Amino acid sequence: MTKPALVAGHRHFSARLLLKLGVFVALLLSLLSTLFAHAPATASASRASSAHKLFLFVQGIDTDFSSDDAAHNRLSGHIYSFDQPGGIVPRLAKTEPGATLKIFSYNGLDRSGHPQPYACQDTFTQHLSVYVNKLQVQVTNYLNTYPDTNIYVIGHSLGVP
């Protein structure tokens, strides 16, 4: 499978994309620190082992999440994504069988709380605060349903290997 055609076109503004990515990461860290600001600094071993686990995958710039992937609850159908053979998703499925694996959607959630499909251009056309807000909504909605959850956010840079 070939990489998205838009990747080659970003060379002329790659510094701008890198700056956006840096700001996104900073806002993401700020969001996570805000969400967990009131959590105790240390948790007992029994609580940590009994807590549910959510692995939330954030694909980078120039990625997409098809309606077919969304309909079948797949993280992505791309060979160069998180769920490639030997990748992190198959490994987590084996080592963390009770955990939930979800993808962050740049288009937010549907009415049922499932990530909505998004296209490549949806990953870089909005202000970063819009994406941070959507991430906060997704995490908050999950925690409202499953309050005793450890959340692990896993992302990759610019959406290309």
Protein backbone atom coordinates (compact mmCIF):
# COMPACT_ATOMS: atom_id res chain seq x y z
CA MET A 1 0.00 0.00 0.00
CA THR A 2 1.33 3.43 -0.83
CA LYS A 3 1.47 6.34 1.57
CA PRO A 4 -1.13 9.10 1.26
CA ALA A 5 -0.50 11.37 -1.71
CA LEU A 6 -0.60 14.49 0.45
CA VAL A 7 2.55 13.51 2.35
CA ALA A 8 4.84 14.56 -0.48
CA GLY A 9 3.01 17.89 -0.80
CA HIS A 10 3.81 18.88 2.79
CA ARG A 11 7.51 19.44 2.16
CA HIS A 12 6.95 23.12 1.43
CA PHE A 13 5.30 23.74 4.80
CA SER A 14 6.72 20.99 6.96
CA ALA A 15 8.00 23.53 9.49
CA ARG A 16 4.44 24.79 9.95
CA LEU A 17 3.17 21.24 10.44
CA LEU A 18 5.92 20.50 12.93
CA LEU A 19 5.01 23.64 14.84
CA LYS A 20 1.34 22.59 14.86
CA LEU A 21 2.33 19.13 16.03
CA GLY A 22 4.43 20.61 18.83
CA VAL A 23 1.57 22.82 19.94
CA PHE A 24 -0.81 19.84 19.75
CA VAL A 25 1.49 17.77 21.95
CA ALA A 26 1.81 20.65 24.42
CA LEU A 27 -1.96 21.11 24.54
CA LEU A 28 -2.42 17.35 24.89
CA LEU A 29 -0.06 17.26 27.85
CA SER A 30 -1.84 20.24 29.36
CA LEU A 31 -5.20 18.53 28.92
CA LEU A 32 -3.98 15.32 30.49
CA SER A 33 -2.45 17.14 33.44
CA THR A 34 -5.74 19.02 33.93
CA LEU A 35 -7.80 15.83 33.74
CA PHE A 36 -5.64 14.10 36.30
CA ALA A 37 -4.79 17.08 38.51
CA HIS A 38 -7.06 15.87 41.28
CA ALA A 39 -5.95 12.25 41.13
CA PRO A 40 -3.81 11.01 44.02
CA ALA A 41 -0.08 11.12 43.33
CA THR A 42 0.27 7.41 44.02
CA ALA A 43 -2.23 4.62 43.79
CA SER A 44 -2.22 1.38 45.70
CA ALA A 45 -1.18 -1.74 43.85
CA SER A 46 -4.63 -3.25 44.32
CA ARG A 47 -6.36 -0.24 42.75
CA ALA A 48 -3.94 -0.16 39.83
CA SER A 49 -4.42 -3.85 39.14
CA SER A 50 -8.23 -3.67 39.42
CA ALA A 51 -8.69 -0.53 37.33
CA HIS A 52 -9.91 -0.85 33.78
CA LYS A 53 -7.48 0.19 31.04
CA LEU A 54 -8.21 2.34 28.02
CA PHE A 55 -5.59 2.65 25.30
CA LEU A 56 -6.49 5.70 23.21
CA PHE A 57 -4.64 5.90 19.91
CA VAL A 58 -4.06 9.29 18.29
CA GLN A 59 -3.07 9.03 14.65
CA GLY A 60 -1.04 11.93 13.34
CA ILE A 61 -1.36 14.47 10.59
CA ASP A 62 -2.19 13.05 7.14
CA THR A 63 -4.05 9.99 8.44
CA ASP A 64 -7.65 9.01 8.01
CA PHE A 65 -10.26 6.85 9.70
CA SER A 66 -12.67 5.38 7.19
CA SER A 67 -16.38 4.84 7.66
CA ASP A 68 -15.70 1.13 7.09
CA ASP A 69 -13.14 1.11 9.94
CA ALA A 70 -15.59 2.99 12.16
CA ALA A 71 -18.46 0.62 11.31
CA HIS A 72 -16.34 -2.44 12.14
CA ASN A 73 -14.72 -0.88 15.23
CA ARG A 74 -11.23 -1.18 13.73
CA LEU A 75 -8.50 1.26 14.63
CA SER A 76 -7.48 1.60 11.00
CA GLY A 77 -7.25 -0.49 7.88
CA HIS A 78 -3.88 0.96 6.90
CA ILE A 79 -0.89 -1.34 6.89
CA TYR A 80 1.27 1.44 8.36
CA SER A 81 -1.07 2.10 11.27
CA PHE A 82 -1.06 1.02 14.90
CA ASP A 83 -2.65 -2.32 14.08
CA GLN A 84 -0.12 -3.51 11.51
CA PRO A 85 1.06 -7.11 11.94
CA GLY A 86 3.48 -7.24 14.86
CA GLY A 87 2.44 -3.72 15.92
CA ILE A 88 1.29 -2.35 19.23
CA VAL A 89 -2.42 -3.18 18.81
CA PRO A 90 -1.96 -6.93 18.29
CA ARG A 91 0.54 -6.96 21.17
CA LEU A 92 -1.85 -5.13 23.52
CA ALA A 93 -4.69 -7.45 22.50
CA LYS A 94 -2.57 -10.34 23.75
CA THR A 95 -1.01 -8.76 26.85
CA GLU A 96 -4.03 -6.69 27.98
CA PRO A 97 -7.04 -8.81 27.00
CA GLY A 98 -9.51 -6.90 29.21
CA ALA A 99 -8.45 -3.46 28.02
CA THR A 100 -10.39 -1.23 25.66
CA LEU A 101 -8.62 -0.02 22.51
CA LYS A 102 -10.10 3.13 20.94
CA ILE A 103 -9.02 5.61 18.33
CA PHE A 104 -9.22 9.37 18.75
CA SER A 105 -11.28 10.98 16.01
CA TYR A 106 -10.45 14.42 14.67
CA ASN A 107 -14.19 14.67 13.88
CA GLY A 108 -15.30 13.80 17.40
CA LEU A 109 -17.79 11.19 18.53
CA ASP A 110 -21.18 10.21 17.17
CA ARG A 111 -24.32 10.22 19.34
CA SER A 112 -23.49 6.72 20.60
CA GLY A 113 -20.03 7.80 21.71
CA HIS A 114 -18.15 6.06 18.90
CA PRO A 115 -15.32 7.81 17.02
CA GLN A 116 -16.54 9.32 13.76
CA PRO A 117 -14.71 8.75 10.48
CA TYR A 118 -12.35 11.45 9.30
CA ALA A 119 -10.37 12.26 6.17
CA CYS A 120 -6.76 13.31 5.82
CA GLN A 121 -7.58 17.04 5.64
CA ASP A 122 -9.53 16.80 8.92
CA THR A 123 -6.23 16.30 10.76
CA PHE A 124 -4.83 19.76 10.05
CA THR A 125 -7.58 22.18 9.00
CA GLN A 126 -8.88 23.16 12.44
CA HIS A 127 -7.21 25.16 15.18
CA LEU A 128 -5.39 22.84 17.58
CA SER A 129 -7.67 23.86 20.44
CA VAL A 130 -10.57 22.24 18.54
CA TYR A 131 -8.73 18.91 18.47
CA VAL A 132 -7.74 19.21 22.13
CA ASN A 133 -11.38 19.87 23.03
CA LYS A 134 -12.48 16.78 21.07
CA LEU A 135 -9.86 14.69 22.86
CA GLN A 136 -11.05 16.04 26.20
CA VAL A 137 -14.66 15.18 25.34
CA GLN A 138 -13.70 11.65 24.30
CA VAL A 139 -11.69 11.03 27.48
CA THR A 140 -14.31 12.63 29.74
CA ASN A 141 -17.16 10.64 28.17
CA TYR A 142 -15.25 7.43 28.71
CA LEU A 143 -14.44 8.30 32.32
CA ASN A 144 -18.08 9.18 32.99
CA THR A 145 -19.03 5.65 31.93
CA TYR A 146 -15.99 3.87 33.40
CA PRO A 147 -14.67 6.05 36.25
CA ASP A 148 -12.14 3.52 37.55
CA THR A 149 -10.01 3.60 34.42
CA ASN A 150 -6.33 4.10 33.73
CA ILE A 151 -5.96 5.88 30.40
CA TYR A 152 -2.95 5.49 28.14
CA VAL A 153 -2.71 7.88 25.19
CA ILE A 154 -0.54 6.54 22.38
CA GLY A 155 0.24 8.69 19.37
CA HIS A 156 2.66 9.03 16.52
CA SER A 157 4.13 11.96 14.68
CA LEU A 158 2.72 13.39 11.47
CA GLY A 159 0.81 10.22 10.65
CA VAL A 160 3.54 8.56 8.58
CA PRO A 161 5.96 5.78 9.54
